[in-house]
Amino acid sequence: MIITQQFNSFLDHTAARALLRVAEPQISHLVELLKTGDSTKRDGIAWALARTGKFNPADVIGPDNNLRKWISYIIGYGKDNFVQADLEAICSADHEVYFAASVLWQIMDSWVNNLEEY
């Protein structure tokens, strides 16, 4: 059971990294998959989109709470990959998504980010 979980985790990580390598010309397709695809598969897509940017995240926001969480992650982690005006539009489109992303911005900018234990 543990070996299976480790193998599945390895496959997920490998797939997400491969997706990032081909993501840029496929942004619109990935955004559509994020919006309409299986919610259990959004993590890898969100990871790649956060590192790629180049779309307006306000266009993705809708009533799906799971999707809203992943949009928060995408703009929170990938802030530097988005146009500032698009990020500000999130504040008008969905205050909670913007707030969640801003919390992540604070953590990412803090000295505790990437702090390791000895």
Protein backbone atom coordinates (compact mmCIF):
# COMPACT_ATOMS: atom_id res chain seq x y z
CA MET A 1 0.00 0.00 0.00
CA ILE A 2 2.75 2.49 0.95
CA ILE A 3 4.80 1.58 -2.12
CA THR A 4 1.75 2.14 -4.32
CA GLN A 5 1.15 5.56 -2.76
CA GLN A 6 4.80 6.53 -3.23
CA PHE A 7 4.71 5.37 -6.85
CA ASN A 8 1.50 7.29 -7.53
CA SER A 9 3.00 10.39 -5.94
CA PHE A 10 6.10 10.01 -8.13
CA LEU A 11 3.89 9.70 -11.22
CA ASP A 12 1.90 12.80 -10.24
CA HIS A 13 5.09 14.83 -9.75
CA THR A 14 6.55 13.61 -13.03
CA ALA A 15 3.33 14.36 -14.91
CA ALA A 16 3.09 17.88 -13.46
CA ARG A 17 6.70 18.64 -14.40
CA ALA A 18 6.12 17.31 -17.92
CA LEU A 19 2.94 19.37 -18.19
CA LEU A 20 4.90 22.51 -17.29
CA ARG A 21 7.34 21.84 -20.12
CA VAL A 22 4.54 21.86 -22.71
CA ALA A 23 2.17 24.30 -20.99
CA GLU A 24 2.94 27.60 -22.67
CA PRO A 25 1.46 26.89 -26.12
CA GLN A 26 -1.45 25.07 -24.45
CA ILE A 27 -2.54 27.74 -21.93
CA SER A 28 -6.11 28.08 -23.22
CA HIS A 29 -6.58 24.31 -23.25
CA LEU A 30 -5.18 23.97 -19.71
CA VAL A 31 -7.41 26.78 -18.44
CA GLU A 32 -10.43 25.02 -19.97
CA LEU A 33 -9.36 21.73 -18.35
CA LEU A 34 -9.01 23.51 -15.03
CA LYS A 35 -12.54 24.92 -15.37
CA THR A 36 -14.35 21.84 -16.67
CA GLY A 37 -12.15 18.86 -15.87
CA ASP A 38 -12.15 16.43 -12.98
CA SER A 39 -11.64 18.35 -9.73
CA THR A 40 -9.28 15.63 -8.45
CA LYS A 41 -6.89 16.43 -11.31
CA ARG A 42 -6.73 20.19 -10.83
CA ASP A 43 -3.65 20.16 -8.62
CA GLY A 44 -1.13 19.38 -11.36
CA ILE A 45 -2.80 21.73 -13.83
CA ALA A 46 -2.87 24.52 -11.23
CA TRP A 47 0.79 23.92 -10.41
CA ALA A 48 1.76 24.32 -14.09
CA LEU A 49 -0.50 27.35 -14.64
CA ALA A 50 0.90 29.11 -11.57
CA ARG A 51 4.37 28.83 -13.01
CA THR A 52 3.30 29.84 -16.52
CA GLY A 53 0.73 32.61 -16.06
CA LYS A 54 -0.23 34.30 -19.34
CA PHE A 55 -3.99 34.15 -18.85
CA ASN A 56 -6.52 36.28 -17.01
CA PRO A 57 -7.43 34.40 -13.81
CA ALA A 58 -10.61 36.47 -13.39
CA ASP A 59 -11.99 34.68 -16.45
CA VAL A 60 -11.83 31.37 -14.59
CA ILE A 61 -13.62 32.32 -11.39
CA GLY A 62 -17.05 30.80 -10.93
CA PRO A 63 -19.25 29.22 -8.27
CA ASP A 64 -17.18 26.01 -7.95
CA ASN A 65 -15.48 26.21 -4.52
CA ASN A 66 -12.80 23.69 -5.44
CA LEU A 67 -11.92 25.73 -8.53
CA ARG A 68 -11.84 28.93 -6.45
CA LYS A 69 -9.29 27.33 -4.10
CA TRP A 70 -7.05 26.40 -7.01
CA ILE A 71 -7.35 29.87 -8.55
CA SER A 72 -6.28 31.26 -5.18
CA TYR A 73 -3.23 29.00 -5.30
CA ILE A 74 -2.44 29.90 -8.92
CA ILE A 75 -2.46 33.64 -8.36
CA GLY A 76 -0.98 33.35 -4.89
CA TYR A 77 2.00 31.29 -5.98
CA GLY A 78 2.33 32.72 -9.48
CA LYS A 79 1.80 36.40 -8.71
CA ASP A 80 4.82 37.52 -10.74
CA ASN A 81 3.54 35.67 -13.82
CA PHE A 82 0.35 37.74 -14.11
CA VAL A 83 -0.46 41.27 -15.18
CA GLN A 84 -1.06 43.45 -12.13
CA ALA A 85 -4.37 44.74 -13.50
CA ASP A 86 -5.61 41.14 -13.87
CA LEU A 87 -4.73 40.45 -10.24
CA GLU A 88 -6.55 43.57 -9.13
CA ALA A 89 -9.60 42.48 -11.14
CA ILE A 90 -9.75 39.37 -8.95
CA CYS A 91 -10.44 41.62 -5.97
CA SER A 92 -13.61 42.85 -7.69
CA ALA A 93 -14.56 39.47 -9.12
CA ASP A 94 -14.16 37.45 -5.92
CA HIS A 95 -13.01 39.01 -2.63
CA GLU A 96 -12.44 35.64 -0.96
CA VAL A 97 -10.18 34.34 -3.72
CA TYR A 98 -8.19 37.58 -3.61
CA PHE A 99 -7.90 37.39 0.17
CA ALA A 100 -6.68 33.78 0.06
CA ALA A 101 -4.10 34.68 -2.59
CA SER A 102 -2.95 37.70 -0.58
CA VAL A 103 -2.36 35.49 2.46
CA LEU A 104 -0.19 33.25 0.30
CA TRP A 105 1.67 36.32 -0.99
CA GLN A 106 2.49 37.27 2.61
CA ILE A 107 3.77 33.78 3.38
CA MET A 108 5.81 33.57 0.18
CA ASP A 109 7.42 36.96 0.91
CA SER A 110 8.19 36.03 4.52
CA TRP A 111 11.50 34.72 5.77
CA VAL A 112 9.69 31.57 7.00
CA ASN A 113 9.06 30.51 3.42
CA ASN A 114 11.36 27.55 2.67
CA LEU A 115 12.64 27.48 6.24
CA GLU A 116 13.89 23.97 6.94
CA GLU A 117 14.19 22.07 10.19
CA TYR A 118 17.52 20.63 11.26
